[in-house]
Amino acid sequence: MPAPRKYPNELRERAQRMVAESMSEDPSLTLNGAVKRIGPRVGVVPDTLRGWVKQAAIDAGQRPGVTTAEASRVRELEREVKELKRANEILLAASSFFARELDPRLPW
C-alpha cells in the first residue's frame, strides 16, 4: 500500500493552474520564477511544484517524457515479472526435488 500523499490533489491542481496563469499573464516569467513566486503562497516547496508542472506538461503531451500512466504500467509489469521469476524458481526447485525422489542416482 503506497504512503498517503503529503499534498491533496486539489492543492496540486490549484498550484499548477496558478503557475500556468502567472506565466500566461507575464510572458517574461520563466517556470523557475513562477514556481518560486507561487510555491510559498500555496505552501509548497518550489522544487516540488516545478516537478508537478513538468509532469502535467508531459501527461498533456506538451513535453517529451514518460507519462504517469506509462510509469504506472512499467511498475506494474516489473512487479509481475518479479512474481513470475519467483514462481519459476519455486517450480524449478520443486521439479528438482521430485526428480531426486524418483531417481536418487540423478546428479541434481
N, C-alpha and C. Protein backbone atom coordinates (compact mmCIF):
# COMPACT_ATOMS: atom_id res chain seq x y z
N MET A 1 0.85 -1.18 0.00
CA MET A 1 0.00 0.00 0.00
C MET A 1 0.89 1.24 0.00
N PRO A 2 0.68 2.16 -0.95
CA PRO A 2 1.51 3.35 -1.00
C PRO A 2 1.24 4.28 0.18
N ALA A 3 2.24 5.07 0.48
CA ALA A 3 2.11 6.04 1.56
C ALA A 3 1.10 7.12 1.16
N PRO A 4 0.41 7.69 2.12
CA PRO A 4 -0.54 8.76 1.78
C PRO A 4 0.20 9.98 1.22
N ARG A 5 -0.44 10.66 0.32
CA ARG A 5 0.18 11.83 -0.30
C ARG A 5 0.24 12.98 0.70
N LYS A 6 1.35 13.71 0.63
CA LYS A 6 1.54 14.82 1.54
C LYS A 6 0.62 15.99 1.18
N TYR A 7 0.38 16.16 -0.12
CA TYR A 7 -0.44 17.26 -0.58
C TYR A 7 -1.70 16.70 -1.24
N PRO A 8 -2.86 17.25 -0.93
CA PRO A 8 -4.10 16.78 -1.60
C PRO A 8 -4.08 17.13 -3.09
N ASN A 9 -4.81 16.36 -3.86
CA ASN A 9 -4.86 16.58 -5.31
C ASN A 9 -5.41 17.97 -5.65
N GLU A 10 -6.36 18.45 -4.86
CA GLU A 10 -6.94 19.77 -5.13
C GLU A 10 -5.86 20.85 -5.05
N LEU A 11 -4.97 20.74 -4.05
CA LEU A 11 -3.89 21.71 -3.90
C LEU A 11 -2.93 21.63 -5.08
N ARG A 12 -2.61 20.40 -5.49
CA ARG A 12 -1.71 20.21 -6.64
C ARG A 12 -2.29 20.89 -7.88
N GLU A 13 -3.57 20.62 -8.16
CA GLU A 13 -4.21 21.18 -9.36
C GLU A 13 -4.28 22.70 -9.29
N ARG A 14 -4.62 23.22 -8.11
CA ARG A 14 -4.72 24.67 -7.94
C ARG A 14 -3.36 25.34 -8.14
N ALA A 15 -2.32 24.76 -7.54
CA ALA A 15 -0.97 25.32 -7.67
C ALA A 15 -0.50 25.28 -9.12
N GLN A 16 -0.76 24.18 -9.80
CA GLN A 16 -0.36 24.08 -11.22
C GLN A 16 -1.09 25.12 -12.06
N ARG A 17 -2.38 25.28 -11.78
CA ARG A 17 -3.18 26.27 -12.51
C ARG A 17 -2.65 27.69 -12.25
N MET A 18 -2.28 27.97 -11.00
CA MET A 18 -1.76 29.30 -10.67
C MET A 18 -0.44 29.57 -11.39
N VAL A 19 0.42 28.56 -11.50
CA VAL A 19 1.69 28.72 -12.22
C VAL A 19 1.41 29.00 -13.69
N ALA A 20 0.50 28.24 -14.28
CA ALA A 20 0.16 28.45 -15.69
C ALA A 20 -0.40 29.86 -15.91
N GLU A 21 -1.28 30.30 -15.01
CA GLU A 21 -1.86 31.63 -15.14
C GLU A 21 -0.80 32.71 -14.99
N SER A 22 0.13 32.53 -14.06
CA SER A 22 1.20 33.52 -13.86
C SER A 22 2.07 33.64 -15.10
N MET A 23 2.38 32.48 -15.69
CA MET A 23 3.24 32.50 -16.87
C MET A 23 2.51 33.09 -18.09
N SER A 24 1.19 32.90 -18.17
CA SER A 24 0.45 33.48 -19.30
C SER A 24 0.25 34.99 -19.12
N GLU A 25 0.10 35.45 -17.88
CA GLU A 25 -0.07 36.88 -17.61
C GLU A 25 1.23 37.65 -17.82
N ASP A 26 2.34 37.02 -17.49
CA ASP A 26 3.65 37.66 -17.63
C ASP A 26 4.54 36.78 -18.49
N PRO A 27 4.58 37.01 -19.81
CA PRO A 27 5.33 36.15 -20.72
C PRO A 27 6.84 36.09 -20.42
N SER A 28 7.37 37.09 -19.75
CA SER A 28 8.80 37.09 -19.44
C SER A 28 9.11 36.20 -18.23
N LEU A 29 8.09 35.72 -17.55
CA LEU A 29 8.28 34.90 -16.35
C LEU A 29 8.62 33.47 -16.76
N THR A 30 9.73 32.97 -16.22
CA THR A 30 10.14 31.60 -16.51
C THR A 30 9.42 30.64 -15.57
N LEU A 31 9.56 29.37 -15.86
CA LEU A 31 8.96 28.35 -14.97
C LEU A 31 9.55 28.47 -13.58
N ASN A 32 10.86 28.63 -13.49
CA ASN A 32 11.50 28.77 -12.17
C ASN A 32 10.98 29.98 -11.42
N GLY A 33 10.85 31.08 -12.10
CA GLY A 33 10.33 32.30 -11.47
C GLY A 33 8.90 32.11 -10.99
N ALA A 34 8.10 31.45 -11.81
CA ALA A 34 6.70 31.24 -11.46
C ALA A 34 6.56 30.33 -10.24
N VAL A 35 7.32 29.23 -10.20
CA VAL A 35 7.18 28.33 -9.06
C VAL A 35 7.75 28.94 -7.78
N LYS A 36 8.77 29.79 -7.93
CA LYS A 36 9.30 30.48 -6.74
C LYS A 36 8.30 31.50 -6.22
N ARG A 37 7.50 32.06 -7.09
CA ARG A 37 6.50 33.04 -6.69
C ARG A 37 5.26 32.35 -6.10
N ILE A 38 4.81 31.28 -6.72
CA ILE A 38 3.55 30.63 -6.33
C ILE A 38 3.75 29.64 -5.19
N GLY A 39 4.86 28.93 -5.18
CA GLY A 39 5.10 27.90 -4.16
C GLY A 39 4.86 28.36 -2.73
N PRO A 40 5.52 29.43 -2.29
CA PRO A 40 5.29 29.88 -0.92
C PRO A 40 3.86 30.34 -0.64
N ARG A 41 3.18 30.84 -1.65
CA ARG A 41 1.79 31.28 -1.46
C ARG A 41 0.86 30.12 -1.13
N VAL A 42 1.12 28.97 -1.72
CA VAL A 42 0.24 27.82 -1.50
C VAL A 42 0.83 26.82 -0.51
N GLY A 43 2.04 27.10 -0.01
CA GLY A 43 2.65 26.24 0.99
C GLY A 43 3.30 24.99 0.42
N VAL A 44 3.86 25.13 -0.79
CA VAL A 44 4.52 24.01 -1.45
C VAL A 44 5.95 24.41 -1.78
N VAL A 45 6.88 23.50 -1.58
CA VAL A 45 8.28 23.75 -1.91
C VAL A 45 8.38 23.97 -3.42
N PRO A 46 9.09 25.00 -3.87
CA PRO A 46 9.17 25.29 -5.31
C PRO A 46 9.64 24.10 -6.16
N ASP A 47 10.60 23.33 -5.68
CA ASP A 47 11.06 22.17 -6.45
C ASP A 47 9.95 21.14 -6.64
N THR A 48 9.14 20.95 -5.63
CA THR A 48 8.02 20.03 -5.74
C THR A 48 7.01 20.54 -6.76
N LEU A 49 6.70 21.80 -6.68
CA LEU A 49 5.76 22.41 -7.62
C LEU A 49 6.29 22.35 -9.05
N ARG A 50 7.58 22.58 -9.22
CA ARG A 50 8.19 22.50 -10.55
C ARG A 50 8.02 21.09 -11.13
N GLY A 51 8.23 20.08 -10.30
CA GLY A 51 8.05 18.70 -10.74
C GLY A 51 6.61 18.41 -11.15
N TRP A 52 5.67 18.92 -10.38
CA TRP A 52 4.24 18.74 -10.71
C TRP A 52 3.91 19.36 -12.06
N VAL A 53 4.40 20.58 -12.27
CA VAL A 53 4.10 21.30 -13.51
C VAL A 53 4.73 20.58 -14.70
N LYS A 54 5.97 20.13 -14.55
CA LYS A 54 6.63 19.41 -15.64
C LYS A 54 5.91 18.10 -15.95
N GLN A 55 5.52 17.36 -14.91
CA GLN A 55 4.83 16.08 -15.14
C GLN A 55 3.47 16.31 -15.78
N ALA A 56 2.78 17.37 -15.39
CA ALA A 56 1.49 17.69 -16.00
C ALA A 56 1.67 18.01 -17.48
N ALA A 57 2.76 18.70 -17.83
CA ALA A 57 3.03 19.00 -19.24
C ALA A 57 3.34 17.73 -20.02
N ILE A 58 4.05 16.81 -19.41
CA ILE A 58 4.35 15.52 -20.05
C ILE A 58 3.06 14.74 -20.26
N ASP A 59 2.22 14.68 -19.22
CA ASP A 59 0.95 13.95 -19.31
C ASP A 59 0.04 14.55 -20.38
N ALA A 60 0.11 15.87 -20.57
CA ALA A 60 -0.73 16.55 -21.56
C ALA A 60 -0.15 16.45 -22.97
N GLY A 61 1.06 15.90 -23.10
CA GLY A 61 1.68 15.75 -24.41
C GLY A 61 2.37 17.01 -24.89
N GLN A 62 2.56 17.98 -24.01
CA GLN A 62 3.21 19.23 -24.39
C GLN A 62 4.72 19.16 -24.26
N ARG A 63 5.21 18.10 -23.66
CA ARG A 63 6.63 17.96 -23.37
C ARG A 63 7.00 16.48 -23.51
N PRO A 64 8.18 16.16 -24.01
CA PRO A 64 8.55 14.75 -24.12
C PRO A 64 8.87 14.16 -22.75
N GLY A 65 8.61 12.87 -22.62
CA GLY A 65 8.92 12.19 -21.37
C GLY A 65 7.95 11.04 -21.12
N VAL A 66 8.14 10.38 -20.00
CA VAL A 66 7.31 9.23 -19.62
C VAL A 66 6.08 9.74 -18.86
N THR A 67 4.91 9.42 -19.38
CA THR A 67 3.68 9.87 -18.72
C THR A 67 3.45 9.10 -17.43
N THR A 68 2.58 9.62 -16.61
CA THR A 68 2.24 8.97 -15.35
C THR A 68 1.65 7.59 -15.59
N ALA A 69 0.79 7.48 -16.60
CA ALA A 69 0.16 6.19 -16.92
C ALA A 69 1.21 5.18 -17.38
N GLU A 70 2.16 5.63 -18.22
CA GLU A 70 3.21 4.72 -18.68
C GLU A 70 4.08 4.26 -17.52
N ALA A 71 4.44 5.18 -16.63
CA ALA A 71 5.28 4.83 -15.48
C ALA A 71 4.56 3.84 -14.58
N SER A 72 3.27 4.05 -14.40
CA SER A 72 2.47 3.14 -13.59
C SER A 72 2.44 1.75 -14.22
N ARG A 73 2.26 1.70 -15.53
CA ARG A 73 2.23 0.41 -16.25
C ARG A 73 3.58 -0.30 -16.15
N VAL A 74 4.67 0.43 -16.25
CA VAL A 74 6.00 -0.16 -16.14
C VAL A 74 6.20 -0.75 -14.74
N ARG A 75 5.79 -0.02 -13.71
CA ARG A 75 5.91 -0.54 -12.34
C ARG A 75 5.09 -1.81 -12.16
N GLU A 76 3.89 -1.81 -12.74
CA GLU A 76 3.02 -2.98 -12.65
C GLU A 76 3.66 -4.18 -13.35
N LEU A 77 4.22 -3.96 -14.53
CA LEU A 77 4.87 -5.04 -15.26
C LEU A 77 6.12 -5.54 -14.55
N GLU A 78 6.88 -4.63 -13.94
CA GLU A 78 8.07 -5.05 -13.19
C GLU A 78 7.68 -5.92 -12.00
N ARG A 79 6.58 -5.56 -11.32
CA ARG A 79 6.09 -6.39 -10.21
C ARG A 79 5.69 -7.78 -10.70
N GLU A 80 5.02 -7.80 -11.85
CA GLU A 80 4.57 -9.06 -12.42
C GLU A 80 5.76 -9.94 -12.81
N VAL A 81 6.79 -9.34 -13.41
CA VAL A 81 7.98 -10.09 -13.79
C VAL A 81 8.66 -10.66 -12.55
N LYS A 82 8.75 -9.86 -11.51
CA LYS A 82 9.37 -10.33 -10.26
C LYS A 82 8.61 -11.53 -9.69
N GLU A 83 7.28 -11.45 -9.68
CA GLU A 83 6.47 -12.55 -9.17
C GLU A 83 6.61 -13.79 -10.05
N LEU A 84 6.65 -13.61 -11.36
CA LEU A 84 6.81 -14.75 -12.27
C LEU A 84 8.18 -15.41 -12.11
N LYS A 85 9.22 -14.60 -11.92
CA LYS A 85 10.56 -15.17 -11.68
C LYS A 85 10.57 -15.97 -10.39
N ARG A 86 9.93 -15.44 -9.37
CA ARG A 86 9.85 -16.14 -8.08
C ARG A 86 9.10 -17.47 -8.24
N ALA A 87 7.98 -17.45 -8.96
CA ALA A 87 7.21 -18.66 -9.19
C ALA A 87 8.02 -19.67 -10.00
N ASN A 88 8.78 -19.19 -10.97
CA ASN A 88 9.62 -20.07 -11.78
C ASN A 88 10.69 -20.74 -10.93
N GLU A 89 11.32 -19.98 -10.02
CA GLU A 89 12.33 -20.56 -9.12
C GLU A 89 11.72 -21.64 -8.25
N ILE A 90 10.52 -21.41 -7.75
CA ILE A 90 9.84 -22.39 -6.92
C ILE A 90 9.55 -23.65 -7.73
N LEU A 91 9.06 -23.48 -8.94
CA LEU A 91 8.76 -24.64 -9.79
C LEU A 91 10.02 -25.42 -10.15
N LEU A 92 11.11 -24.72 -10.43
CA LEU A 92 12.37 -25.41 -10.73
C LEU A 92 12.87 -26.19 -9.52
N ALA A 93 12.78 -25.59 -8.35
CA ALA A 93 13.21 -26.29 -7.13
C ALA A 93 12.32 -27.50 -6.86
N ALA A 94 11.03 -27.36 -7.08
CA ALA A 94 10.11 -28.47 -6.85
C ALA A 94 10.36 -29.60 -7.84
N SER A 95 10.58 -29.26 -9.11
CA SER A 95 10.83 -30.32 -10.10
C SER A 95 12.14 -31.03 -9.79
N SER A 96 13.15 -30.29 -9.37
CA SER A 96 14.42 -30.91 -8.99
C SER A 96 14.23 -31.83 -7.78
N PHE A 97 13.46 -31.38 -6.81
CA PHE A 97 13.20 -32.19 -5.61
C PHE A 97 12.50 -33.49 -5.97
N PHE A 98 11.45 -33.40 -6.78
CA PHE A 98 10.70 -34.59 -7.15
C PHE A 98 11.50 -35.51 -8.06
N ALA A 99 12.36 -34.96 -8.90
CA ALA A 99 13.21 -35.80 -9.75
C ALA A 99 14.17 -36.61 -8.90
N ARG A 100 14.71 -36.03 -7.83
CA ARG A 100 15.62 -36.76 -6.92
C ARG A 100 14.86 -37.84 -6.17
N GLU A 101 13.64 -37.54 -5.81
CA GLU A 101 12.82 -38.53 -5.10
C GLU A 101 12.55 -39.75 -5.98
N LEU A 102 12.33 -39.51 -7.26
CA LEU A 102 12.04 -40.61 -8.17
C LEU A 102 13.28 -41.42 -8.50
N ASP A 103 14.42 -40.77 -8.70
CA ASP A 103 15.64 -41.46 -9.06
C ASP A 103 16.81 -40.83 -8.32
N PRO A 104 17.23 -41.37 -7.19
CA PRO A 104 18.30 -40.80 -6.40
C PRO A 104 19.64 -40.82 -7.11
N ARG A 105 19.81 -41.57 -8.20
CA ARG A 105 21.08 -41.64 -8.92
C ARG A 105 21.32 -40.40 -9.78
N LEU A 106 20.27 -39.60 -10.03
CA LEU A 106 20.43 -38.41 -10.85
C LEU A 106 21.33 -37.40 -10.11
N PRO A 107 22.21 -36.68 -10.84
CA PRO A 107 23.17 -35.78 -10.19
C PRO A 107 22.59 -34.50 -9.64
N TRP A 108 21.33 -34.16 -9.88
CA TRP A 108 20.80 -32.90 -9.40
C TRP A 108 20.36 -33.08 -8.02
